[in-house]
Amino acid sequence: MKKLFTVVLMVFAGAAIAGPDMDKYNKSCAVCHATGAAEAPITGDAAVWAPRMAKGMAVLVQSVNNGLNAMPPKGMCYDCSDEDYASLIEFMSTAK
């Protein structure tokens, strides 16, 4: 019984940990970040993302909201919240 409880708890804990909305990533971020188009940092290249991440998440989210270089304001994700942007940035900046 204890093992079953542990497994159930792990499943619910995993469901509670929100990851990026992959639909939003695929419809917006991936357009440039999957290939490096327009000199966008490639998803999963932690070394390229490191100097950006060092600026802090608040600065990065502000850059997405305002647009930066070739990235348009809102990064083409017009229904994303700041929390969505932070989750997507975290996903893209993590080594794959």
C-alpha atoms as a PDB file:
ATOM      1  CA  MET A   1       0.000   0.000   0.000  1.00  0.00           C
ATOM      2  CA  LYS A   2       2.844   2.361   0.821  1.00  0.00           C
ATOM      3  CA  LYS A   3       4.386   1.813  -2.639  1.00  0.00           C
ATOM      4  CA  LEU A   4       1.068   2.505  -4.346  1.00  0.00           C
ATOM      5  CA  PHE A   5       0.663   5.737  -2.382  1.00  0.00           C
ATOM      6  CA  THR A   6       4.193   6.783  -3.354  1.00  0.00           C
ATOM      7  CA  VAL A   7       3.529   6.131  -7.048  1.00  0.00           C
ATOM      8  CA  VAL A   8       0.231   8.036  -6.969  1.00  0.00           C
ATOM      9  CA  LEU A   9       1.891  10.928  -5.160  1.00  0.00           C
ATOM     10  CA  MET A  10       4.692  11.050  -7.748  1.00  0.00           C
ATOM     11  CA  VAL A  11       2.196  11.121 -10.615  1.00  0.00           C
ATOM     12  CA  PHE A  12       0.241  14.005  -9.092  1.00  0.00           C
ATOM     13  CA  ALA A  13       3.419  15.880  -8.189  1.00  0.00           C
ATOM     14  CA  GLY A  14       4.644  15.564 -11.761  1.00  0.00           C
ATOM     15  CA  ALA A  15       1.343  16.858 -13.089  1.00  0.00           C
ATOM     16  CA  ALA A  16       1.547  19.866 -10.782  1.00  0.00           C
ATOM     17  CA  ILE A  17       4.949  20.896 -12.106  1.00  0.00           C
ATOM     18  CA  ALA A  18       4.084  23.023 -15.090  1.00  0.00           C
ATOM     19  CA  GLY A  19       6.311  22.878 -18.105  1.00  0.00           C
ATOM     20  CA  PRO A  20       6.143  24.980 -21.210  1.00  0.00           C
ATOM     21  CA  ASP A  21       3.067  24.926 -23.399  1.00  0.00           C
ATOM     22  CA  MET A  22       4.554  23.068 -26.350  1.00  0.00           C
ATOM     23  CA  ASP A  23       1.738  24.205 -28.619  1.00  0.00           C
ATOM     24  CA  LYS A  24       2.702  27.817 -27.926  1.00  0.00           C
ATOM     25  CA  TYR A  25       6.385  26.972 -28.431  1.00  0.00           C
ATOM     26  CA  ASN A  26       5.706  25.265 -31.756  1.00  0.00           C
ATOM     27  CA  LYS A  27       3.472  28.075 -33.049  1.00  0.00           C
ATOM     28  CA  SER A  28       5.710  30.957 -32.024  1.00  0.00           C
ATOM     29  CA  CYS A  29       9.164  30.375 -30.530  1.00  0.00           C
ATOM     30  CA  ALA A  30      10.158  27.415 -32.700  1.00  0.00           C
ATOM     31  CA  VAL A  31       9.772  29.464 -35.866  1.00  0.00           C
ATOM     32  CA  CYS A  32      13.186  31.019 -35.136  1.00  0.00           C
ATOM     33  CA  HIS A  33      14.606  29.283 -32.065  1.00  0.00           C
ATOM     34  CA  ALA A  34      14.482  25.745 -33.508  1.00  0.00           C
ATOM     35  CA  THR A  35      16.823  26.704 -36.347  1.00  0.00           C
ATOM     36  CA  GLY A  36      18.580  29.888 -35.255  1.00  0.00           C
ATOM     37  CA  ALA A  37      16.797  31.954 -37.894  1.00  0.00           C
ATOM     38  CA  ALA A  38      17.451  35.688 -37.630  1.00  0.00           C
ATOM     39  CA  GLU A  39      20.313  34.882 -35.226  1.00  0.00           C
ATOM     40  CA  ALA A  40      17.905  33.650 -32.525  1.00  0.00           C
ATOM     41  CA  PRO A  41      19.579  31.512 -29.850  1.00  0.00           C
ATOM     42  CA  ILE A  42      18.822  27.876 -30.611  1.00  0.00           C
ATOM     43  CA  THR A  43      16.600  25.937 -28.238  1.00  0.00           C
ATOM     44  CA  GLY A  44      18.673  23.630 -26.069  1.00  0.00           C
ATOM     45  CA  ASP A  45      22.025  25.360 -26.624  1.00  0.00           C
ATOM     46  CA  ALA A  46      22.719  26.197 -22.984  1.00  0.00           C
ATOM     47  CA  ALA A  47      26.074  27.834 -23.770  1.00  0.00           C
ATOM     48  CA  VAL A  48      24.475  30.349 -26.128  1.00  0.00           C
ATOM     49  CA  TRP A  49      21.656  31.018 -23.671  1.00  0.00           C
ATOM     50  CA  ALA A  50      23.937  31.420 -20.612  1.00  0.00           C
ATOM     51  CA  PRO A  51      24.794  35.130 -21.106  1.00  0.00           C
ATOM     52  CA  ARG A  52      21.136  35.884 -21.728  1.00  0.00           C
ATOM     53  CA  MET A  53      20.012  33.967 -18.639  1.00  0.00           C
ATOM     54  CA  ALA A  54      22.596  35.871 -16.589  1.00  0.00           C
ATOM     55  CA  LYS A  55      20.559  39.039 -17.226  1.00  0.00           C
ATOM     56  CA  GLY A  56      17.698  37.571 -15.198  1.00  0.00           C
ATOM     57  CA  MET A  57      14.289  36.273 -16.143  1.00  0.00           C
ATOM     58  CA  ALA A  58      12.541  39.628 -15.633  1.00  0.00           C
ATOM     59  CA  VAL A  59      14.800  41.259 -18.236  1.00  0.00           C
ATOM     60  CA  LEU A  60      14.271  38.407 -20.689  1.00  0.00           C
ATOM     61  CA  VAL A  61      10.491  38.507 -20.300  1.00  0.00           C
ATOM     62  CA  GLN A  62      10.584  42.280 -20.826  1.00  0.00           C
ATOM     63  CA  SER A  63      12.613  41.737 -24.015  1.00  0.00           C
ATOM     64  CA  VAL A  64       9.978  39.319 -25.305  1.00  0.00           C
ATOM     65  CA  ASN A  65       7.152  41.725 -24.485  1.00  0.00           C
ATOM     66  CA  ASN A  66       8.903  44.656 -26.170  1.00  0.00           C
ATOM     67  CA  GLY A  67      10.635  42.765 -28.965  1.00  0.00           C
ATOM     68  CA  LEU A  68      14.391  42.613 -29.433  1.00  0.00           C
ATOM     69  CA  ASN A  69      16.447  42.713 -32.611  1.00  0.00           C
ATOM     70  CA  ALA A  70      14.508  40.626 -35.164  1.00  0.00           C
ATOM     71  CA  MET A  71      12.058  39.261 -32.563  1.00  0.00           C
ATOM     72  CA  PRO A  72       8.737  41.078 -32.797  1.00  0.00           C
ATOM     73  CA  PRO A  73       6.932  42.272 -29.673  1.00  0.00           C
ATOM     74  CA  LYS A  74       5.344  39.354 -27.821  1.00  0.00           C
ATOM     75  CA  GLY A  75       7.562  36.955 -29.796  1.00  0.00           C
ATOM     76  CA  MET A  76       4.575  36.125 -32.010  1.00  0.00           C
ATOM     77  CA  CYS A  77       2.754  34.621 -29.002  1.00  0.00           C
ATOM     78  CA  TYR A  78      -0.011  37.124 -28.487  1.00  0.00           C
ATOM     79  CA  ASP A  79      -1.945  34.991 -25.998  1.00  0.00           C
ATOM     80  CA  CYS A  80       1.088  34.248 -23.797  1.00  0.00           C
ATOM     81  CA  SER A  81       1.293  35.548 -20.252  1.00  0.00           C
ATOM     82  CA  ASP A  82       4.545  36.601 -18.608  1.00  0.00           C
ATOM     83  CA  GLU A  83       4.494  33.220 -16.846  1.00  0.00           C
ATOM     84  CA  ASP A  84       4.211  31.487 -20.232  1.00  0.00           C
ATOM     85  CA  TYR A  85       7.176  33.478 -21.524  1.00  0.00           C
ATOM     86  CA  ALA A  86       9.248  32.577 -18.463  1.00  0.00           C
ATOM     87  CA  SER A  87       8.398  28.892 -18.850  1.00  0.00           C
ATOM     88  CA  LEU A  88       9.215  28.952 -22.558  1.00  0.00           C
ATOM     89  CA  ILE A  89      12.508  30.778 -21.964  1.00  0.00           C
ATOM     90  CA  GLU A  90      13.465  28.260 -19.284  1.00  0.00           C
ATOM     91  CA  PHE A  91      12.665  25.414 -21.687  1.00  0.00           C
ATOM     92  CA  MET A  92      14.625  26.937 -24.568  1.00  0.00           C
ATOM     93  CA  SER A  93      17.659  27.737 -22.415  1.00  0.00           C
ATOM     94  CA  THR A  94      18.039  24.236 -20.983  1.00  0.00           C
ATOM     95  CA  ALA A  95      20.407  21.773 -22.640  1.00  0.00           C
ATOM     96  CA  LYS A  96      18.635  18.993 -24.483  1.00  0.00           C
END
